[in-house]
N, C-alpha and C. Protein backbone atom coordinates (compact mmCIF):
# COMPACT_ATOMS: atom_id res chain seq x y z
N UNK A 1 12.88 -17.37 -8.11
CA UNK A 1 13.29 -18.06 -6.92
C UNK A 1 14.70 -18.61 -7.14
N UNK A 2 15.56 -18.45 -6.16
CA UNK A 2 16.93 -18.94 -6.28
C UNK A 2 17.04 -20.34 -5.71
N UNK A 3 18.12 -21.00 -6.04
CA UNK A 3 18.35 -22.34 -5.50
C UNK A 3 18.40 -22.31 -3.98
N UNK A 4 18.94 -21.22 -3.44
CA UNK A 4 19.10 -21.12 -1.98
C UNK A 4 17.77 -21.13 -1.24
N UNK A 5 16.70 -20.67 -1.89
CA UNK A 5 15.41 -20.62 -1.19
C UNK A 5 14.46 -21.75 -1.59
N UNK A 6 14.85 -22.60 -2.53
CA UNK A 6 14.02 -23.72 -2.93
C UNK A 6 13.99 -24.73 -1.80
N UNK A 7 12.79 -25.06 -1.33
CA UNK A 7 12.65 -26.06 -0.29
C UNK A 7 13.01 -25.58 1.11
N UNK A 8 13.31 -24.28 1.27
CA UNK A 8 13.66 -23.75 2.59
C UNK A 8 12.38 -23.22 3.23
N UNK A 9 12.09 -23.69 4.45
CA UNK A 9 10.87 -23.21 5.11
C UNK A 9 10.91 -21.70 5.26
N UNK A 10 9.76 -21.09 5.06
CA UNK A 10 9.63 -19.63 5.07
C UNK A 10 8.46 -19.26 5.96
N UNK A 11 8.66 -18.22 6.75
CA UNK A 11 7.61 -17.77 7.68
C UNK A 11 6.65 -16.81 7.01
N UNK A 12 5.38 -17.00 7.28
CA UNK A 12 4.33 -16.03 6.95
C UNK A 12 3.90 -15.45 8.29
N UNK A 13 4.14 -14.15 8.47
CA UNK A 13 3.83 -13.55 9.77
C UNK A 13 2.76 -12.47 9.63
N UNK A 14 2.03 -12.29 10.72
CA UNK A 14 0.98 -11.27 10.78
C UNK A 14 1.17 -10.45 12.05
N UNK A 15 1.02 -9.14 11.93
CA UNK A 15 1.09 -8.22 13.08
C UNK A 15 -0.32 -7.69 13.33
N UNK A 16 -0.78 -7.77 14.58
CA UNK A 16 -2.11 -7.30 14.97
C UNK A 16 -1.99 -6.22 16.04
N UNK A 17 -2.96 -5.31 16.08
CA UNK A 17 -2.98 -4.31 17.15
C UNK A 17 -3.76 -4.87 18.35
N UNK A 18 -3.89 -4.08 19.41
CA UNK A 18 -4.54 -4.54 20.64
C UNK A 18 -6.01 -4.89 20.43
N UNK A 19 -6.64 -4.26 19.46
CA UNK A 19 -8.04 -4.55 19.15
C UNK A 19 -8.24 -5.76 18.25
N UNK A 20 -7.14 -6.38 17.81
CA UNK A 20 -7.22 -7.53 16.93
C UNK A 20 -7.22 -7.20 15.45
N UNK A 21 -7.10 -5.91 15.12
CA UNK A 21 -7.06 -5.53 13.71
C UNK A 21 -5.71 -5.88 13.11
N UNK A 22 -5.73 -6.38 11.89
CA UNK A 22 -4.50 -6.77 11.20
C UNK A 22 -3.78 -5.53 10.69
N UNK A 23 -2.52 -5.40 11.09
CA UNK A 23 -1.71 -4.26 10.67
C UNK A 23 -0.86 -4.58 9.45
N UNK A 24 -0.24 -5.78 9.43
CA UNK A 24 0.73 -6.08 8.38
C UNK A 24 0.88 -7.59 8.22
N UNK A 25 1.07 -8.02 6.98
CA UNK A 25 1.37 -9.41 6.65
C UNK A 25 2.67 -9.43 5.87
N UNK A 26 3.55 -10.36 6.19
CA UNK A 26 4.81 -10.46 5.46
C UNK A 26 5.36 -11.87 5.47
N UNK A 27 6.44 -12.06 4.71
CA UNK A 27 7.14 -13.34 4.70
C UNK A 27 8.62 -13.09 4.93
N UNK A 28 9.27 -14.10 5.50
CA UNK A 28 10.70 -13.98 5.75
C UNK A 28 11.29 -15.35 6.05
N UNK A 29 12.54 -15.53 5.67
CA UNK A 29 13.27 -16.72 6.07
C UNK A 29 13.67 -16.61 7.54
N UNK A 30 13.78 -15.38 8.02
CA UNK A 30 14.19 -15.10 9.39
C UNK A 30 13.22 -14.08 10.01
N UNK A 31 12.07 -14.53 10.49
CA UNK A 31 11.05 -13.59 10.94
C UNK A 31 11.46 -12.73 12.13
N UNK A 32 12.32 -13.24 13.00
CA UNK A 32 12.73 -12.44 14.16
C UNK A 32 13.68 -11.32 13.75
N UNK A 33 14.51 -11.59 12.76
CA UNK A 33 15.36 -10.53 12.21
C UNK A 33 14.48 -9.49 11.51
N UNK A 34 13.49 -9.95 10.78
CA UNK A 34 12.57 -9.03 10.09
C UNK A 34 11.77 -8.21 11.10
N UNK A 35 11.40 -8.82 12.21
CA UNK A 35 10.70 -8.12 13.28
C UNK A 35 11.53 -6.94 13.79
N UNK A 36 12.82 -7.18 13.98
CA UNK A 36 13.72 -6.11 14.43
C UNK A 36 13.78 -4.99 13.40
N UNK A 37 13.78 -5.33 12.11
CA UNK A 37 13.80 -4.32 11.05
C UNK A 37 12.51 -3.49 11.06
N UNK A 38 11.37 -4.17 11.24
CA UNK A 38 10.10 -3.44 11.33
C UNK A 38 10.14 -2.48 12.52
N UNK A 39 10.70 -2.94 13.63
CA UNK A 39 10.78 -2.09 14.83
C UNK A 39 11.58 -0.82 14.54
N UNK A 40 12.67 -0.96 13.77
CA UNK A 40 13.53 0.18 13.42
C UNK A 40 12.90 1.08 12.36
N UNK A 41 12.22 0.49 11.38
CA UNK A 41 11.86 1.22 10.16
C UNK A 41 10.38 1.52 9.95
N UNK A 42 9.50 0.88 10.69
CA UNK A 42 8.06 1.02 10.43
C UNK A 42 7.38 1.87 11.49
N UNK A 43 6.79 2.98 11.06
CA UNK A 43 6.14 3.90 11.99
C UNK A 43 4.98 3.24 12.74
N UNK A 44 4.38 2.24 12.15
CA UNK A 44 3.23 1.56 12.75
C UNK A 44 3.61 0.54 13.80
N UNK A 45 4.89 0.22 13.94
CA UNK A 45 5.31 -0.90 14.79
C UNK A 45 4.86 -0.73 16.24
N UNK A 46 4.78 0.49 16.74
CA UNK A 46 4.34 0.72 18.11
C UNK A 46 2.92 0.26 18.39
N UNK A 47 2.15 0.03 17.34
CA UNK A 47 0.76 -0.43 17.48
C UNK A 47 0.66 -1.95 17.62
N UNK A 48 1.76 -2.67 17.36
CA UNK A 48 1.73 -4.13 17.37
C UNK A 48 1.57 -4.65 18.80
N UNK A 49 0.53 -5.49 18.98
CA UNK A 49 0.28 -6.11 20.28
C UNK A 49 0.43 -7.63 20.22
N UNK A 50 0.28 -8.19 19.02
CA UNK A 50 0.34 -9.65 18.86
C UNK A 50 0.90 -9.98 17.48
N UNK A 51 1.68 -11.05 17.43
CA UNK A 51 2.27 -11.51 16.17
C UNK A 51 2.00 -13.00 16.04
N UNK A 52 1.59 -13.42 14.84
CA UNK A 52 1.47 -14.86 14.58
C UNK A 52 2.46 -15.22 13.48
N UNK A 53 2.96 -16.45 13.55
CA UNK A 53 3.90 -16.94 12.54
C UNK A 53 3.45 -18.33 12.11
N UNK A 54 3.35 -18.52 10.80
CA UNK A 54 3.05 -19.83 10.23
C UNK A 54 4.21 -20.19 9.31
N UNK A 55 4.72 -21.40 9.44
CA UNK A 55 5.84 -21.83 8.60
C UNK A 55 5.31 -22.59 7.40
N UNK A 56 5.80 -22.20 6.23
CA UNK A 56 5.40 -22.84 4.97
C UNK A 56 6.62 -23.55 4.38
N UNK A 57 6.40 -24.55 3.53
CA UNK A 57 7.51 -25.39 3.08
C UNK A 57 8.57 -24.70 2.22
N UNK A 58 8.19 -23.63 1.52
CA UNK A 58 9.17 -22.94 0.67
C UNK A 58 8.71 -21.51 0.41
N UNK A 59 9.60 -20.73 -0.16
CA UNK A 59 9.30 -19.31 -0.39
C UNK A 59 8.17 -19.11 -1.40
N UNK A 60 8.10 -19.97 -2.40
CA UNK A 60 7.05 -19.85 -3.41
C UNK A 60 5.67 -19.98 -2.77
N UNK A 61 5.48 -20.98 -1.94
CA UNK A 61 4.17 -21.14 -1.29
C UNK A 61 3.92 -20.03 -0.28
N UNK A 62 4.97 -19.55 0.39
CA UNK A 62 4.82 -18.44 1.34
C UNK A 62 4.42 -17.17 0.61
N UNK A 63 5.03 -16.92 -0.52
CA UNK A 63 4.70 -15.72 -1.30
C UNK A 63 3.23 -15.78 -1.77
N UNK A 64 2.79 -16.95 -2.22
CA UNK A 64 1.40 -17.10 -2.65
C UNK A 64 0.44 -16.90 -1.48
N UNK A 65 0.79 -17.45 -0.32
CA UNK A 65 -0.06 -17.29 0.87
C UNK A 65 -0.09 -15.83 1.32
N UNK A 66 1.05 -15.15 1.25
CA UNK A 66 1.11 -13.73 1.62
C UNK A 66 0.20 -12.91 0.69
N UNK A 67 0.32 -13.15 -0.59
CA UNK A 67 -0.49 -12.43 -1.58
C UNK A 67 -1.98 -12.64 -1.30
N UNK A 68 -2.37 -13.89 -1.08
CA UNK A 68 -3.77 -14.21 -0.81
C UNK A 68 -4.24 -13.56 0.49
N UNK A 69 -3.39 -13.59 1.51
CA UNK A 69 -3.75 -13.00 2.82
C UNK A 69 -3.95 -11.49 2.71
N UNK A 70 -3.08 -10.83 1.98
CA UNK A 70 -3.19 -9.37 1.84
C UNK A 70 -4.49 -9.00 1.12
N UNK A 71 -4.81 -9.73 0.07
CA UNK A 71 -6.04 -9.45 -0.67
C UNK A 71 -7.28 -9.75 0.18
N UNK A 72 -7.28 -10.89 0.86
CA UNK A 72 -8.45 -11.31 1.63
C UNK A 72 -8.61 -10.56 2.95
N UNK A 73 -7.49 -10.28 3.63
CA UNK A 73 -7.56 -9.73 4.99
C UNK A 73 -7.33 -8.22 5.06
N UNK A 74 -6.82 -7.64 4.00
CA UNK A 74 -6.61 -6.19 3.87
C UNK A 74 -5.92 -5.54 5.07
N UNK A 75 -4.68 -5.92 5.33
CA UNK A 75 -3.96 -5.30 6.44
C UNK A 75 -3.77 -3.80 6.23
N UNK A 76 -3.78 -3.08 7.32
CA UNK A 76 -3.77 -1.62 7.28
C UNK A 76 -2.52 -1.04 6.63
N UNK A 77 -1.35 -1.67 6.83
CA UNK A 77 -0.11 -1.04 6.39
C UNK A 77 0.62 -1.75 5.25
N UNK A 78 0.04 -2.76 4.64
CA UNK A 78 0.66 -3.35 3.45
C UNK A 78 0.36 -2.48 2.24
N UNK A 79 1.37 -2.20 1.44
CA UNK A 79 1.19 -1.44 0.21
C UNK A 79 0.86 -2.35 -0.96
N UNK A 80 1.68 -3.36 -1.14
CA UNK A 80 1.57 -4.25 -2.28
C UNK A 80 0.34 -5.15 -2.15
N UNK A 81 -0.37 -5.36 -3.22
CA UNK A 81 -1.54 -6.25 -3.33
C UNK A 81 -2.74 -5.76 -2.53
N UNK A 82 -2.70 -4.55 -1.99
CA UNK A 82 -3.76 -4.09 -1.10
C UNK A 82 -4.55 -2.98 -1.79
N UNK A 83 -5.67 -3.32 -2.43
CA UNK A 83 -6.39 -2.34 -3.23
C UNK A 83 -7.10 -1.25 -2.44
N UNK A 84 -7.34 -1.46 -1.14
CA UNK A 84 -8.10 -0.46 -0.39
C UNK A 84 -7.23 0.41 0.50
N UNK A 85 -5.95 0.16 0.52
CA UNK A 85 -5.08 0.96 1.37
C UNK A 85 -4.97 2.37 0.80
N UNK A 86 -5.14 3.39 1.65
CA UNK A 86 -5.00 4.76 1.15
C UNK A 86 -3.56 5.06 0.75
N UNK A 87 -3.38 5.99 -0.17
CA UNK A 87 -2.04 6.36 -0.61
C UNK A 87 -1.33 7.14 0.50
N UNK A 88 -0.05 6.89 0.65
CA UNK A 88 0.72 7.58 1.69
C UNK A 88 0.90 9.06 1.33
N UNK A 89 1.12 9.89 2.35
CA UNK A 89 1.35 11.32 2.13
C UNK A 89 2.58 11.54 1.27
N UNK A 90 3.62 10.74 1.49
CA UNK A 90 4.86 10.89 0.71
C UNK A 90 4.60 10.58 -0.76
N UNK A 91 3.82 9.54 -1.03
CA UNK A 91 3.52 9.18 -2.41
C UNK A 91 2.65 10.25 -3.07
N UNK A 92 1.66 10.77 -2.32
CA UNK A 92 0.82 11.84 -2.87
C UNK A 92 1.64 13.08 -3.19
N UNK A 93 2.60 13.41 -2.32
CA UNK A 93 3.47 14.56 -2.57
C UNK A 93 4.29 14.33 -3.83
N UNK A 94 4.79 13.11 -3.99
CA UNK A 94 5.57 12.77 -5.17
C UNK A 94 4.70 12.92 -6.42
N UNK A 95 3.45 12.49 -6.36
CA UNK A 95 2.54 12.64 -7.50
C UNK A 95 2.28 14.10 -7.82
N UNK A 96 2.02 14.90 -6.77
CA UNK A 96 1.71 16.32 -6.98
C UNK A 96 2.85 17.07 -7.64
N UNK A 97 4.07 16.68 -7.36
CA UNK A 97 5.23 17.41 -7.89
C UNK A 97 5.76 16.81 -9.19
N UNK A 98 5.16 15.73 -9.64
CA UNK A 98 5.60 15.08 -10.88
C UNK A 98 5.21 15.91 -12.10
N UNK A 99 6.17 16.26 -12.97
CA UNK A 99 5.84 17.03 -14.18
C UNK A 99 4.81 16.31 -15.05
N UNK A 100 4.91 15.00 -15.14
CA UNK A 100 3.99 14.22 -15.96
C UNK A 100 2.56 14.33 -15.42
N UNK A 101 2.41 14.21 -14.10
CA UNK A 101 1.08 14.30 -13.49
C UNK A 101 0.52 15.71 -13.65
N UNK A 102 1.38 16.72 -13.48
CA UNK A 102 0.93 18.11 -13.66
C UNK A 102 0.45 18.35 -15.09
N UNK A 103 1.17 17.80 -16.05
CA UNK A 103 0.78 17.95 -17.46
C UNK A 103 -0.57 17.27 -17.72
N UNK A 104 -0.75 16.08 -17.17
CA UNK A 104 -2.03 15.37 -17.34
C UNK A 104 -3.17 16.15 -16.70
N UNK A 105 -2.93 16.73 -15.52
CA UNK A 105 -3.97 17.52 -14.84
C UNK A 105 -4.34 18.75 -15.65
N UNK A 106 -3.34 19.40 -16.23
CA UNK A 106 -3.61 20.59 -17.06
C UNK A 106 -4.45 20.21 -18.28
N UNK A 107 -4.13 19.08 -18.91
CA UNK A 107 -4.90 18.62 -20.06
C UNK A 107 -6.33 18.28 -19.65
N UNK A 108 -6.47 17.65 -18.48
CA UNK A 108 -7.80 17.31 -17.98
C UNK A 108 -8.64 18.57 -17.77
N UNK A 109 -8.04 19.60 -17.19
CA UNK A 109 -8.75 20.87 -16.98
C UNK A 109 -9.15 21.49 -18.31
N UNK A 110 -8.25 21.44 -19.29
CA UNK A 110 -8.54 22.01 -20.60
C UNK A 110 -9.69 21.25 -21.27
N UNK A 111 -9.68 19.91 -21.16
CA UNK A 111 -10.76 19.11 -21.74
C UNK A 111 -12.09 19.38 -21.04
N UNK A 112 -12.04 19.54 -19.73
CA UNK A 112 -13.26 19.85 -18.98
C UNK A 112 -13.84 21.20 -19.42
N UNK A 113 -12.98 22.19 -19.57
CA UNK A 113 -13.43 23.53 -20.00
C UNK A 113 -14.01 23.47 -21.41
N UNK A 114 -13.36 22.70 -22.30
CA UNK A 114 -13.87 22.55 -23.66
C UNK A 114 -15.26 21.91 -23.63
N UNK A 115 -15.43 20.88 -22.81
CA UNK A 115 -16.74 20.23 -22.67
C UNK A 115 -17.81 21.20 -22.19
N UNK A 116 -17.43 22.09 -21.29
CA UNK A 116 -18.38 23.10 -20.80
C UNK A 116 -18.74 24.08 -21.91
N UNK A 117 -17.73 24.54 -22.66
CA UNK A 117 -17.98 25.49 -23.75
C UNK A 117 -18.86 24.89 -24.84
N UNK A 118 -18.72 23.60 -25.09
CA UNK A 118 -19.52 22.93 -26.12
C UNK A 118 -20.88 22.49 -25.59
N UNK A 119 -21.13 22.73 -24.30
CA UNK A 119 -22.41 22.35 -23.72
C UNK A 119 -22.51 20.88 -23.38
N UNK A 120 -21.40 20.17 -23.40
CA UNK A 120 -21.40 18.75 -23.08
C UNK A 120 -21.32 18.50 -21.57
N UNK A 121 -20.77 19.46 -20.87
CA UNK A 121 -20.65 19.38 -19.41
C UNK A 121 -21.26 20.62 -18.80
N UNK A 122 -21.84 20.51 -17.62
CA UNK A 122 -22.41 21.71 -16.99
C UNK A 122 -21.31 22.69 -16.60
N UNK A 123 -21.65 23.95 -16.65
CA UNK A 123 -20.71 25.00 -16.23
C UNK A 123 -20.58 24.93 -14.72
N UNK A 124 -19.37 24.88 -14.25
CA UNK A 124 -19.12 24.84 -12.82
C UNK A 124 -18.87 26.24 -12.31
N UNK A 125 -19.34 26.55 -11.11
CA UNK A 125 -19.08 27.89 -10.58
C UNK A 125 -17.58 28.11 -10.38
N UNK A 126 -17.12 29.28 -10.74
CA UNK A 126 -15.71 29.61 -10.56
C UNK A 126 -15.50 30.15 -9.16
N UNK A 127 -14.35 29.85 -8.56
CA UNK A 127 -14.09 30.39 -7.23
C UNK A 127 -14.03 31.91 -7.28
N UNK A 128 -14.57 32.56 -6.26
CA UNK A 128 -14.56 34.03 -6.24
C UNK A 128 -13.15 34.53 -5.96
N UNK A 129 -12.82 35.65 -6.59
CA UNK A 129 -11.50 36.26 -6.40
C UNK A 129 -11.46 36.93 -5.04
N UNK A 130 -10.37 36.76 -4.34
CA UNK A 130 -10.21 37.38 -3.03
C UNK A 130 -9.67 38.79 -3.18
N UNK A 131 -10.15 39.68 -2.36
CA UNK A 131 -9.72 41.08 -2.42
C UNK A 131 -8.42 41.27 -1.68
């Protein structure tokens, strides 16, 4: 935390859809400026029907409240602190093309095959060859 944000009130905001489902939780010193950024940059923004803002005494308490809210309320589009949010298509693509991930997958397949050969794992049916 910098000196500039110590003791400066900070907004904790929530975006909800028309059905009342929580879409996103965030914090900002300037929530209306942040709202404009979400409108420009967030694909989900068109789903927003209602926004709530709570002012907290400083950024540290706002950050703690944001963290707790994301864990407890599980907003649909928060990435950070959200254990149940599905991985994005872009992130999955990045994983699939990663040399490190490909190497790990190849090792996993080799270990699985070894386990089958040693009788430790059941033999899995092989996909049929296409003509």
